[in-house]
């Protein structure tokens, strides 16, 4: 599973992009959304002070993953064009 997930910071923002590749677009969406939800929970637990007061910062999911309308891979048209080179 780890090989199919990439995450990285968006330049000049505090946002993190998560990408999941899977044969099933529904499963890829579900994995990305679950990963995002669990990240929020983990950060909340790490940032909450021991005395139980509210943390100084918080993490939220800005945009839920959705099912792409076109396949991410293979890119058939691009691959055919590259095949002619």
C-alpha atoms as a PDB file:
ATOM      1  CA  UNK A   1       0.000   0.000   0.000  1.00  0.00           C
ATOM      2  CA  UNK A   2       2.782   2.425   0.881  1.00  0.00           C
ATOM      3  CA  UNK A   3       4.185   2.270  -2.666  1.00  0.00           C
ATOM      4  CA  UNK A   4       0.879   3.550  -4.061  1.00  0.00           C
ATOM      5  CA  UNK A   5       0.705   6.645  -1.847  1.00  0.00           C
ATOM      6  CA  UNK A   6       2.564   9.907  -2.318  1.00  0.00           C
ATOM      7  CA  UNK A   7       2.245  13.020  -0.197  1.00  0.00           C
ATOM      8  CA  UNK A   8       4.010  16.320  -0.332  1.00  0.00           C
ATOM      9  CA  UNK A   9       3.766  19.948   0.660  1.00  0.00           C
ATOM     10  CA  UNK A  10       2.395  22.409  -1.863  1.00  0.00           C
ATOM     11  CA  UNK A  11       5.032  25.106  -2.429  1.00  0.00           C
ATOM     12  CA  UNK A  12       4.517  28.355  -0.511  1.00  0.00           C
ATOM     13  CA  UNK A  13       1.494  26.983   1.408  1.00  0.00           C
ATOM     14  CA  UNK A  14       0.776  24.937   4.512  1.00  0.00           C
ATOM     15  CA  UNK A  15      -1.174  22.406   2.425  1.00  0.00           C
ATOM     16  CA  UNK A  16      -0.278  18.758   1.895  1.00  0.00           C
ATOM     17  CA  UNK A  17      -1.327  16.940  -1.281  1.00  0.00           C
ATOM     18  CA  UNK A  18      -2.034  13.214  -1.042  1.00  0.00           C
ATOM     19  CA  UNK A  19      -2.144  11.049  -4.169  1.00  0.00           C
ATOM     20  CA  UNK A  20      -3.156   7.386  -4.219  1.00  0.00           C
ATOM     21  CA  UNK A  21      -2.833   5.103  -7.240  1.00  0.00           C
ATOM     22  CA  UNK A  22      -4.969   1.977  -7.332  1.00  0.00           C
ATOM     23  CA  UNK A  23      -6.656  -0.222  -9.929  1.00  0.00           C
ATOM     24  CA  UNK A  24      -9.972   0.779  -8.393  1.00  0.00           C
ATOM     25  CA  UNK A  25     -10.729   4.516  -8.449  1.00  0.00           C
ATOM     26  CA  UNK A  26     -13.232   4.028  -5.622  1.00  0.00           C
ATOM     27  CA  UNK A  27     -10.617   2.307  -3.469  1.00  0.00           C
ATOM     28  CA  UNK A  28      -8.041   5.017  -4.283  1.00  0.00           C
ATOM     29  CA  UNK A  29     -10.528   7.681  -3.183  1.00  0.00           C
ATOM     30  CA  UNK A  30     -11.391   5.789  -0.006  1.00  0.00           C
ATOM     31  CA  UNK A  31      -7.721   5.258   0.894  1.00  0.00           C
ATOM     32  CA  UNK A  32      -6.921   8.955   0.357  1.00  0.00           C
ATOM     33  CA  UNK A  33      -9.896  10.080   2.441  1.00  0.00           C
ATOM     34  CA  UNK A  34      -9.140   7.612   5.246  1.00  0.00           C
ATOM     35  CA  UNK A  35      -5.485   8.639   5.275  1.00  0.00           C
ATOM     36  CA  UNK A  36      -6.485  12.304   5.495  1.00  0.00           C
ATOM     37  CA  UNK A  37      -8.944  11.638   8.319  1.00  0.00           C
ATOM     38  CA  UNK A  38      -6.380   9.646  10.293  1.00  0.00           C
ATOM     39  CA  UNK A  39      -3.757  12.363   9.784  1.00  0.00           C
ATOM     40  CA  UNK A  40      -6.138  14.927  11.308  1.00  0.00           C
ATOM     41  CA  UNK A  41      -6.736  12.666  14.329  1.00  0.00           C
ATOM     42  CA  UNK A  42      -3.015  11.995  14.783  1.00  0.00           C
ATOM     43  CA  UNK A  43      -2.104  15.694  14.662  1.00  0.00           C
ATOM     44  CA  UNK A  44      -4.914  16.549  17.087  1.00  0.00           C
ATOM     45  CA  UNK A  45      -3.561  13.968  19.545  1.00  0.00           C
ATOM     46  CA  UNK A  46       0.020  15.212  19.146  1.00  0.00           C
ATOM     47  CA  UNK A  47      -0.871  18.902  19.467  1.00  0.00           C
ATOM     48  CA  UNK A  48      -3.312  18.689  22.392  1.00  0.00           C
ATOM     49  CA  UNK A  49      -1.531  19.774  25.590  1.00  0.00           C
ATOM     50  CA  UNK A  50      -1.401  17.316  28.487  1.00  0.00           C
ATOM     51  CA  UNK A  51      -3.654  19.572  30.568  1.00  0.00           C
ATOM     52  CA  UNK A  52      -6.441  19.057  28.011  1.00  0.00           C
ATOM     53  CA  UNK A  53      -6.664  22.649  26.806  1.00  0.00           C
ATOM     54  CA  UNK A  54      -7.258  23.363  23.154  1.00  0.00           C
ATOM     55  CA  UNK A  55      -4.214  22.984  20.905  1.00  0.00           C
ATOM     56  CA  UNK A  56      -2.577  26.090  19.439  1.00  0.00           C
ATOM     57  CA  UNK A  57      -2.964  24.741  15.915  1.00  0.00           C
ATOM     58  CA  UNK A  58      -5.300  22.431  14.087  1.00  0.00           C
ATOM     59  CA  UNK A  59      -5.392  20.454  10.868  1.00  0.00           C
ATOM     60  CA  UNK A  60      -8.443  20.150   8.643  1.00  0.00           C
ATOM     61  CA  UNK A  61      -9.114  18.405   5.352  1.00  0.00           C
ATOM     62  CA  UNK A  62      -9.517  21.172   2.797  1.00  0.00           C
ATOM     63  CA  UNK A  63     -10.843  18.966   0.009  1.00  0.00           C
ATOM     64  CA  UNK A  64     -12.028  15.362   0.078  1.00  0.00           C
ATOM     65  CA  UNK A  65     -10.696  13.014  -2.571  1.00  0.00           C
ATOM     66  CA  UNK A  66     -13.026  12.322  -5.462  1.00  0.00           C
ATOM     67  CA  UNK A  67     -13.163   9.733  -8.209  1.00  0.00           C
ATOM     68  CA  UNK A  68     -11.394  11.006 -11.349  1.00  0.00           C
ATOM     69  CA  UNK A  69     -13.462  11.098 -14.525  1.00  0.00           C
ATOM     70  CA  UNK A  70     -10.514   9.924 -16.649  1.00  0.00           C
ATOM     71  CA  UNK A  71      -7.979   7.224 -15.784  1.00  0.00           C
ATOM     72  CA  UNK A  72      -4.736   8.546 -14.344  1.00  0.00           C
ATOM     73  CA  UNK A  73      -2.764   5.716 -15.952  1.00  0.00           C
ATOM     74  CA  UNK A  74      -2.303   4.472 -18.580  1.00  0.00           C
ATOM     75  CA  UNK A  75      -2.235   7.618 -20.691  1.00  0.00           C
ATOM     76  CA  UNK A  76      -2.965   5.841 -23.947  1.00  0.00           C
ATOM     77  CA  UNK A  77      -2.793   8.848 -26.296  1.00  0.00           C
ATOM     78  CA  UNK A  78       0.486  10.042 -24.791  1.00  0.00           C
ATOM     79  CA  UNK A  79       1.978   6.551 -24.892  1.00  0.00           C
ATOM     80  CA  UNK A  80       1.030   6.110 -28.546  1.00  0.00           C
ATOM     81  CA  UNK A  81       2.539   9.503 -29.421  1.00  0.00           C
ATOM     82  CA  UNK A  82       5.740   8.635 -27.571  1.00  0.00           C
ATOM     83  CA  UNK A  83       5.844   5.307 -29.376  1.00  0.00           C
ATOM     84  CA  UNK A  84       6.190   7.121 -32.694  1.00  0.00           C
ATOM     85  CA  UNK A  85       9.322   8.984 -31.552  1.00  0.00           C
END
